[in-house]
Protein backbone atom coordinates (compact mmCIF):
# COMPACT_ATOMS: atom_id res chain seq x y z
CA UNK A 1 -0.09 0.06 -0.19
CA UNK A 2 2.92 2.39 0.76
CA UNK A 3 4.81 1.16 -2.02
CA UNK A 4 1.40 1.95 -4.16
CA UNK A 5 1.25 5.61 -2.71
CA UNK A 6 4.93 6.34 -3.31
CA UNK A 7 4.74 5.09 -6.94
CA UNK A 8 1.42 7.36 -7.37
CA UNK A 9 3.30 10.42 -5.71
CA UNK A 10 6.39 9.91 -7.80
CA UNK A 11 4.25 9.97 -11.04
CA UNK A 12 2.55 12.60 -10.13
CA UNK A 13 5.73 14.80 -9.45
CA UNK A 14 7.03 13.50 -12.70
CA UNK A 15 3.98 15.01 -14.32
CA UNK A 16 4.63 18.41 -12.65
CA UNK A 17 8.18 18.23 -13.56
CA UNK A 18 7.22 17.60 -17.50
CA UNK A 19 4.66 20.49 -17.31
CA UNK A 20 7.62 22.66 -16.03
CA UNK A 21 9.73 21.85 -18.87
CA UNK A 22 7.40 22.13 -21.35
CA UNK A 23 6.68 25.54 -20.03
CA UNK A 24 10.16 26.58 -19.84
CA UNK A 25 10.54 25.18 -23.36
CA UNK A 26 7.67 27.26 -24.54
CA UNK A 27 8.95 30.39 -22.74
CA UNK A 28 12.40 29.94 -24.47
CA UNK A 29 10.81 29.44 -27.61
CA UNK A 30 8.72 32.68 -27.37
CA UNK A 31 11.98 34.59 -26.45
CA UNK A 32 14.04 33.17 -29.04
CA UNK A 33 11.32 34.49 -31.37
CA UNK A 34 11.25 37.86 -29.61
CA UNK A 35 14.91 38.15 -29.92
CA UNK A 36 15.18 37.32 -33.56
CA UNK A 37 12.34 40.05 -34.34
CA UNK A 38 14.29 42.55 -32.15
CA UNK A 39 17.38 42.05 -33.69
CA UNK A 40 16.33 41.88 -37.31
CA UNK A 41 14.60 45.34 -36.79
CA UNK A 42 17.06 47.26 -34.78
CA UNK A 43 20.53 45.89 -35.33
CA UNK A 44 22.86 45.57 -38.48
CA UNK A 45 24.59 42.59 -36.46
CA UNK A 46 21.42 41.05 -35.64
CA UNK A 47 21.00 38.79 -38.74
CA UNK A 48 24.24 37.34 -38.09
CA UNK A 49 23.45 36.39 -34.29
CA UNK A 50 20.10 35.25 -35.19
CA UNK A 51 21.51 32.75 -38.00
CA UNK A 52 24.15 31.80 -35.38
CA UNK A 53 21.54 31.00 -32.67
CA UNK A 54 19.42 29.05 -35.16
CA UNK A 55 22.56 27.19 -36.43
CA UNK A 56 23.35 26.17 -32.86
CA UNK A 57 19.81 25.21 -32.09
CA UNK A 58 19.47 22.96 -34.99
CA UNK A 59 22.83 21.23 -34.56
CA UNK A 60 21.58 20.42 -30.94
CA UNK A 61 24.58 22.03 -28.84
CA UNK A 62 24.40 21.55 -25.33
CA UNK A 63 22.33 23.95 -22.90
CA UNK A 64 25.67 25.83 -21.83
CA UNK A 65 26.53 26.86 -25.14
CA UNK A 66 22.75 27.59 -26.00
CA UNK A 67 22.64 29.95 -22.84
CA UNK A 68 25.95 31.77 -23.72
CA UNK A 69 24.51 32.63 -27.13
CA UNK A 70 21.25 33.93 -25.48
CA UNK A 71 23.18 36.13 -23.35
CA UNK A 72 25.02 37.42 -26.42
CA UNK A 73 21.84 37.97 -28.11
CA UNK A 74 20.10 39.54 -25.12
CA UNK A 75 23.05 41.94 -24.61
CA UNK A 76 22.99 43.00 -28.57
CA UNK A 77 19.39 43.48 -28.19
CA UNK A 78 20.15 45.78 -25.09
CA UNK A 79 22.96 47.87 -26.86
CA UNK A 80 21.02 47.97 -29.99
CA UNK A 81 17.83 49.39 -27.86
CA UNK A 82 19.70 52.03 -26.00
CA UNK A 83 21.88 53.08 -29.18
CA UNK A 84 18.43 53.68 -30.91
CA UNK A 85 16.94 55.33 -27.88
CA UNK A 86 19.96 57.88 -27.96
CA UNK A 87 19.77 58.52 -31.60
CA UNK A 88 16.00 59.17 -31.38
CA UNK A 89 16.68 61.65 -28.22
CA UNK A 90 19.43 63.32 -30.33
CA UNK A 91 17.29 63.75 -33.34
CA UNK A 92 14.25 65.02 -31.30
CA UNK A 93 16.65 67.77 -29.52
CA UNK A 94 18.02 68.79 -33.13
CA UNK A 95 14.82 69.12 -34.62
CA UNK A 96 12.80 70.61 -31.75
CA UNK A 97 15.89 72.67 -30.03
CA UNK A 98 17.25 72.42 -26.65
CA UNK A 99 14.56 72.59 -23.67
CA UNK A 100 14.87 76.06 -21.99
CA UNK A 101 15.77 76.05 -18.30
CA UNK A 102 13.01 77.42 -16.04
CA UNK A 103 13.56 81.03 -14.95
CA UNK A 104 11.82 82.54 -11.66
CA UNK A 105 9.84 85.06 -13.13
CA UNK A 106 8.31 87.42 -10.46
CA UNK A 107 4.63 87.30 -12.00
CA UNK A 108 4.31 83.85 -11.84
CA UNK A 109 2.88 83.28 -8.54
CA UNK A 110 -0.74 83.16 -7.75
CA UNK A 111 -1.09 86.42 -6.30
CA UNK A 112 1.97 88.13 -7.90
CA UNK A 113 1.71 90.90 -10.53
CA UNK A 114 3.68 92.38 -13.24
CA UNK A 115 6.97 94.41 -12.60
CA UNK A 116 5.72 97.53 -14.52
CA UNK A 117 9.26 99.25 -14.23
CA UNK A 118 10.58 96.20 -16.31
CA UNK A 119 7.45 96.37 -18.76
CA UNK A 120 8.63 99.80 -19.25
CA UNK A 121 12.01 98.87 -20.08
CA UNK A 122 11.06 95.99 -22.28
CA UNK A 123 8.80 98.47 -24.10
CA UNK A 124 12.24 100.69 -24.63
CA UNK A 125 14.02 97.44 -25.81
CA UNK A 126 11.30 96.84 -28.17
CA UNK A 127 11.14 99.94 -29.70
CA UNK A 128 14.94 100.29 -30.22
CA UNK A 129 15.54 96.63 -30.98
CA UNK A 130 12.94 94.70 -32.13
CA UNK A 131 10.32 97.13 -33.81
CA UNK A 132 12.54 97.41 -36.95
CA UNK A 133 11.86 93.76 -37.88
CA UNK A 134 9.07 92.55 -35.46
CA UNK A 135 5.38 93.83 -35.48
CA UNK A 136 2.86 93.71 -32.49
CA UNK A 137 -0.43 94.08 -34.50
CA UNK A 138 -2.50 93.49 -31.39
CA UNK A 139 -1.42 96.08 -29.16
CA UNK A 140 -2.52 99.56 -29.19
CA UNK A 141 -1.07 102.69 -27.51
CA UNK A 142 -3.76 103.15 -24.97
CA UNK A 143 -2.99 99.78 -23.72
CA UNK A 144 0.25 101.29 -22.42
CA UNK A 145 -1.66 103.66 -20.23
CA UNK A 146 -1.47 102.99 -16.40
CA UNK A 147 0.91 99.97 -17.23
CA UNK A 148 3.97 101.44 -18.23
CA UNK A 149 3.31 105.30 -19.06
CA UNK A 150 1.04 107.92 -18.08
CA UNK A 151 -1.45 109.12 -20.73
CA UNK A 152 0.28 112.28 -21.47
CA UNK A 153 3.61 110.19 -22.35
CA UNK A 154 1.70 107.75 -24.30
CA UNK A 155 -0.23 110.57 -26.23
CA UNK A 156 3.20 112.15 -26.96
CA UNK A 157 4.64 108.79 -27.95
CA UNK A 158 1.76 107.97 -30.62
CA UNK A 159 1.93 111.32 -32.02
CA UNK A 160 5.44 110.46 -33.25
CA UNK A 161 4.14 108.13 -35.96
CA UNK A 162 2.45 109.16 -39.06
CA UNK A 163 -0.83 107.06 -39.65
CA UNK A 164 -2.68 106.49 -43.23
CA UNK A 165 -6.31 107.43 -42.61
CA UNK A 166 -9.27 108.02 -45.00
CA UNK A 167 -10.79 108.54 -47.09
CA UNK A 168 -11.43 112.38 -46.79
CA UNK A 169 -14.32 114.25 -47.98
CA UNK A 170 -12.70 114.20 -51.56
CA UNK A 171 -12.07 110.32 -51.55
CA UNK A 172 -8.72 110.48 -50.91
CA UNK A 173 -6.10 108.96 -48.11
CA UNK A 174 -4.19 110.83 -45.85
CA UNK A 175 -1.95 110.80 -43.06
CA UNK A 176 -2.28 111.96 -39.60
CA UNK A 177 -0.40 111.98 -36.31
CA UNK A 178 -1.04 108.76 -34.20
CA UNK A 179 -3.56 108.56 -31.66
CA UNK A 180 -4.01 106.34 -28.44
CA UNK A 181 -6.65 104.22 -30.45
CA UNK A 182 -4.04 103.37 -33.04
CA UNK A 183 -1.98 100.13 -32.92
CA UNK A 184 1.50 99.88 -33.04
CA UNK A 185 3.01 100.40 -36.51
CA UNK A 186 4.07 97.40 -38.89
CA UNK A 187 7.89 97.46 -39.82
CA UNK A 188 6.52 96.00 -43.43
CA UNK A 189 3.99 96.61 -45.73
CA UNK A 190 3.24 92.70 -46.29
CA UNK A 191 4.79 89.28 -45.78
CA UNK A 192 6.36 89.35 -48.99
CA UNK A 193 8.49 92.53 -48.20
CA UNK A 194 9.35 91.11 -45.05
CA UNK A 195 10.91 88.07 -46.33
CA UNK A 196 12.55 89.97 -49.08
CA UNK A 197 14.28 92.12 -46.40
CA UNK A 198 15.25 89.27 -44.30
CA UNK A 199 16.69 86.82 -46.83
CA UNK A 200 13.61 84.86 -46.94
CA UNK A 201 12.93 84.44 -43.33
CA UNK A 202 9.76 86.01 -42.02
CA UNK A 203 9.90 87.53 -38.56
CA UNK A 204 6.81 86.49 -36.52
CA UNK A 205 4.51 88.82 -34.83
CA UNK A 206 5.29 89.26 -31.12
CA UNK A 207 1.82 90.05 -29.64
CA UNK A 208 1.31 86.61 -28.47
CA UNK A 209 4.82 84.95 -28.76
CA UNK A 210 4.85 83.86 -25.10
CA UNK A 211 1.70 81.92 -25.68
CA UNK A 212 2.56 80.80 -29.07
CA UNK A 213 5.79 79.05 -28.24
CA UNK A 214 5.94 75.99 -25.83
CA UNK A 215 7.52 77.00 -22.50
CA UNK A 216 7.08 80.59 -23.88
CA UNK A 217 8.56 82.74 -21.38
CA UNK A 218 11.57 80.66 -21.08
CA UNK A 219 12.07 79.79 -24.69
CA UNK A 220 11.91 83.39 -25.38
CA UNK A 221 14.71 84.40 -23.04
CA UNK A 222 16.96 81.30 -23.71
CA UNK A 223 16.60 82.16 -27.35
CA UNK A 224 17.82 86.07 -27.17
CA UNK A 225 20.42 84.77 -24.67
CA UNK A 226 21.53 81.59 -26.12
CA UNK A 227 23.69 82.69 -29.02
CA UNK A 228 26.91 81.02 -29.23
CA UNK A 229 29.46 79.36 -31.78
CA UNK A 230 28.64 76.22 -33.40
CA UNK A 231 30.29 73.17 -31.98
CA UNK A 232 32.69 71.04 -33.86
CA UNK A 233 31.26 69.15 -36.65
CA UNK A 234 28.42 71.41 -37.28
CA UNK A 235 28.63 73.93 -40.14
CA UNK A 236 26.36 76.92 -40.45
CA UNK A 237 25.62 78.40 -43.90
CA UNK A 238 26.27 82.12 -44.62
CA UNK A 239 23.20 84.21 -43.33
CA UNK A 240 22.23 81.96 -40.27
CA UNK A 241 23.46 81.84 -36.71
CA UNK A 242 23.61 79.20 -34.44
CA UNK A 243 21.30 78.96 -31.58
CA UNK A 244 20.66 75.65 -29.70
CA UNK A 245 17.33 76.81 -28.50
CA UNK A 246 15.98 77.25 -31.93
CA UNK A 247 14.20 74.26 -33.77
CA UNK A 248 17.22 73.05 -36.30
CA UNK A 249 19.84 75.15 -34.25
CA UNK A 250 20.25 77.72 -37.31
CA UNK A 251 18.39 81.03 -37.10
CA UNK A 252 18.15 83.85 -39.33
CA UNK A 253 18.03 86.44 -36.71
CA UNK A 254 21.37 87.76 -35.52
CA UNK A 255 22.35 88.41 -31.69
CA UNK A 256 20.49 91.47 -30.97
CA UNK A 257 21.12 91.88 -27.02
CA UNK A 258 24.57 92.98 -26.21
CA UNK A 259 25.77 94.59 -23.17
CA UNK A 260 25.47 98.57 -23.55
CA UNK A 261 23.24 98.16 -26.62
CA UNK A 262 20.90 101.11 -25.13
CA UNK A 263 20.70 103.26 -22.13
CA UNK A 264 17.65 103.09 -20.01
CA UNK A 265 15.51 106.14 -18.89
CA UNK A 266 15.75 104.81 -15.29
CA UNK A 267 19.61 104.33 -15.19
CA UNK A 268 19.59 100.60 -14.88
CA UNK A 269 22.54 98.80 -16.33
CA UNK A 270 21.56 97.47 -19.62
CA UNK A 271 23.15 93.94 -19.70
CA UNK A 272 22.27 91.29 -21.93
CA UNK A 273 20.16 89.46 -19.24
CA UNK A 274 18.49 92.42 -17.99
CA UNK A 275 17.36 93.51 -21.57
CA UNK A 276 16.22 90.01 -21.97
CA UNK A 277 14.22 89.79 -18.89
CA UNK A 278 12.89 92.97 -19.42
CA UNK A 279 11.60 92.52 -23.08
CA UNK A 280 10.26 89.05 -21.90
CA UNK A 281 8.37 90.96 -19.15
CA UNK A 282 6.94 93.14 -21.75
CA UNK A 283 6.00 90.46 -24.30
CA UNK A 284 4.28 88.50 -21.25
CA UNK A 285 2.16 91.52 -20.43
CA UNK A 286 1.05 91.87 -24.34
CA UNK A 287 0.24 88.21 -24.39
CA UNK A 288 -1.87 88.62 -21.10
CA UNK A 289 -2.68 92.13 -20.03
CA UNK A 290 -5.57 91.12 -18.05
CA UNK A 291 -3.71 88.72 -15.88
CA UNK A 292 -3.46 90.96 -12.91
CA UNK A 293 -7.36 91.64 -13.04
CA UNK A 294 -8.07 87.98 -13.32
CA UNK A 295 -5.67 86.97 -10.46
CA UNK A 296 -7.62 89.83 -8.43
CA UNK A 297 -11.17 88.75 -9.41
CA UNK A 298 -10.21 85.11 -8.49
CA UNK A 299 -9.01 86.11 -5.11
CA UNK A 300 -12.21 88.00 -4.64
CA UNK A 301 -14.35 85.21 -5.69
CA UNK A 302 -12.46 82.79 -3.05
CA UNK A 303 -12.86 85.24 -0.45
CA UNK A 304 -16.69 85.50 -0.98
CA UNK A 305 -17.14 81.87 -1.50
CA UNK A 306 -15.14 81.14 1.80
CA UNK A 307 -17.66 83.13 3.56
CA UNK A 308 -20.60 81.61 1.91
CA UNK A 309 -19.27 78.16 2.64
CA UNK A 310 -18.85 79.10 6.68
CA UNK A 311 -22.44 80.61 6.78
CA UNK A 312 -23.65 77.22 5.18
CA UNK A 313 -21.92 75.25 7.60
CA UNK A 314 -23.33 77.39 10.41
CA UNK A 315 -26.89 77.28 9.17
CA UNK A 316 -26.62 73.32 8.62
CA UNK A 317 -25.54 72.95 12.04
CA UNK A 318 -28.21 75.13 13.54
CA UNK A 319 -31.14 73.99 11.61
CA UNK A 320 -30.12 70.20 11.44
CA UNK A 321 -28.43 69.57 14.79
CA UNK A 322 -32.04 68.78 16.52
CA UNK A 323 -32.85 66.33 13.86
CA UNK A 324 -29.67 64.68 13.56
CA UNK A 325 -29.12 64.27 17.34
CA UNK A 326 -32.94 63.24 18.25
CA UNK A 327 -33.39 59.55 19.45
CA UNK A 328 -36.31 57.50 18.12
CA UNK A 329 -37.79 54.89 20.49
CA UNK A 330 -40.24 52.52 19.07
CA UNK A 331 -43.00 51.17 21.93
CA UNK A 332 -43.32 47.36 20.49
CA UNK A 333 -45.89 46.59 23.52
CA UNK A 334 -48.62 48.69 22.57
């Protein structure tokens, strides 16, 4: 009886071992198939490895040799994957530009506002450096009133430009001094003229540039201050300039911000970083002129809703405390 049970246990264990072996063989075959597919698609040397693996398996080489070839194939697949990932990452960086670092802009906080002195300096940088090529077609002179200039200063600034208006009573167009309702002047008459003057490149409008670019404020600052000599092995054709933050690395706009390029009205040293910070502050305001009002209105609504929440909690406790604390007793006898 005992021998019969022992034989039965032995046969059951053999059956389990066979099942494990079959599962292992199935797993090995699946791994071999996956490795062959990966090696054929990822590596130039993979056909040689896959042919060697198939040859060794067909010849029935021992398990140790097969394991060694599997390790070599797995190592080759891993190296191929890492190389392909690095190639994709480098191609992506070259195509989309280097990621701009994050800078602590003073107006990014929940309750922080713009630096209006910096906005005024940034407008000066735009007028003296950027306005010759870039337009700001969505900004009017009246938008500057109370933000960077007084009304009198803005009127005097607008009167310096000539605006084509009309027609008059005789049906003819005429020119007049600018008014507060006029928008910033366009540097070129049309896109074709802008491309002709810039060697085929079209300077974008800067009204919404910090919202139209990924990581806008940081990107614009990094682009303006990121000009450098091209590294070894990279050649830039004539008329272009190397900037790693620009997609492709070659940009038609030359380096515009240099130390001492202008003199600020308030006496602030006009360094490259200072001018970059000021122009980005001005462009950020131009893209979101309502930001301060929106933040203030949001804070007011949060305060009012907090008071309403306290009142609702007190009313609930006053009216429902009696109902929630009462005890119901059922008279089951009568």
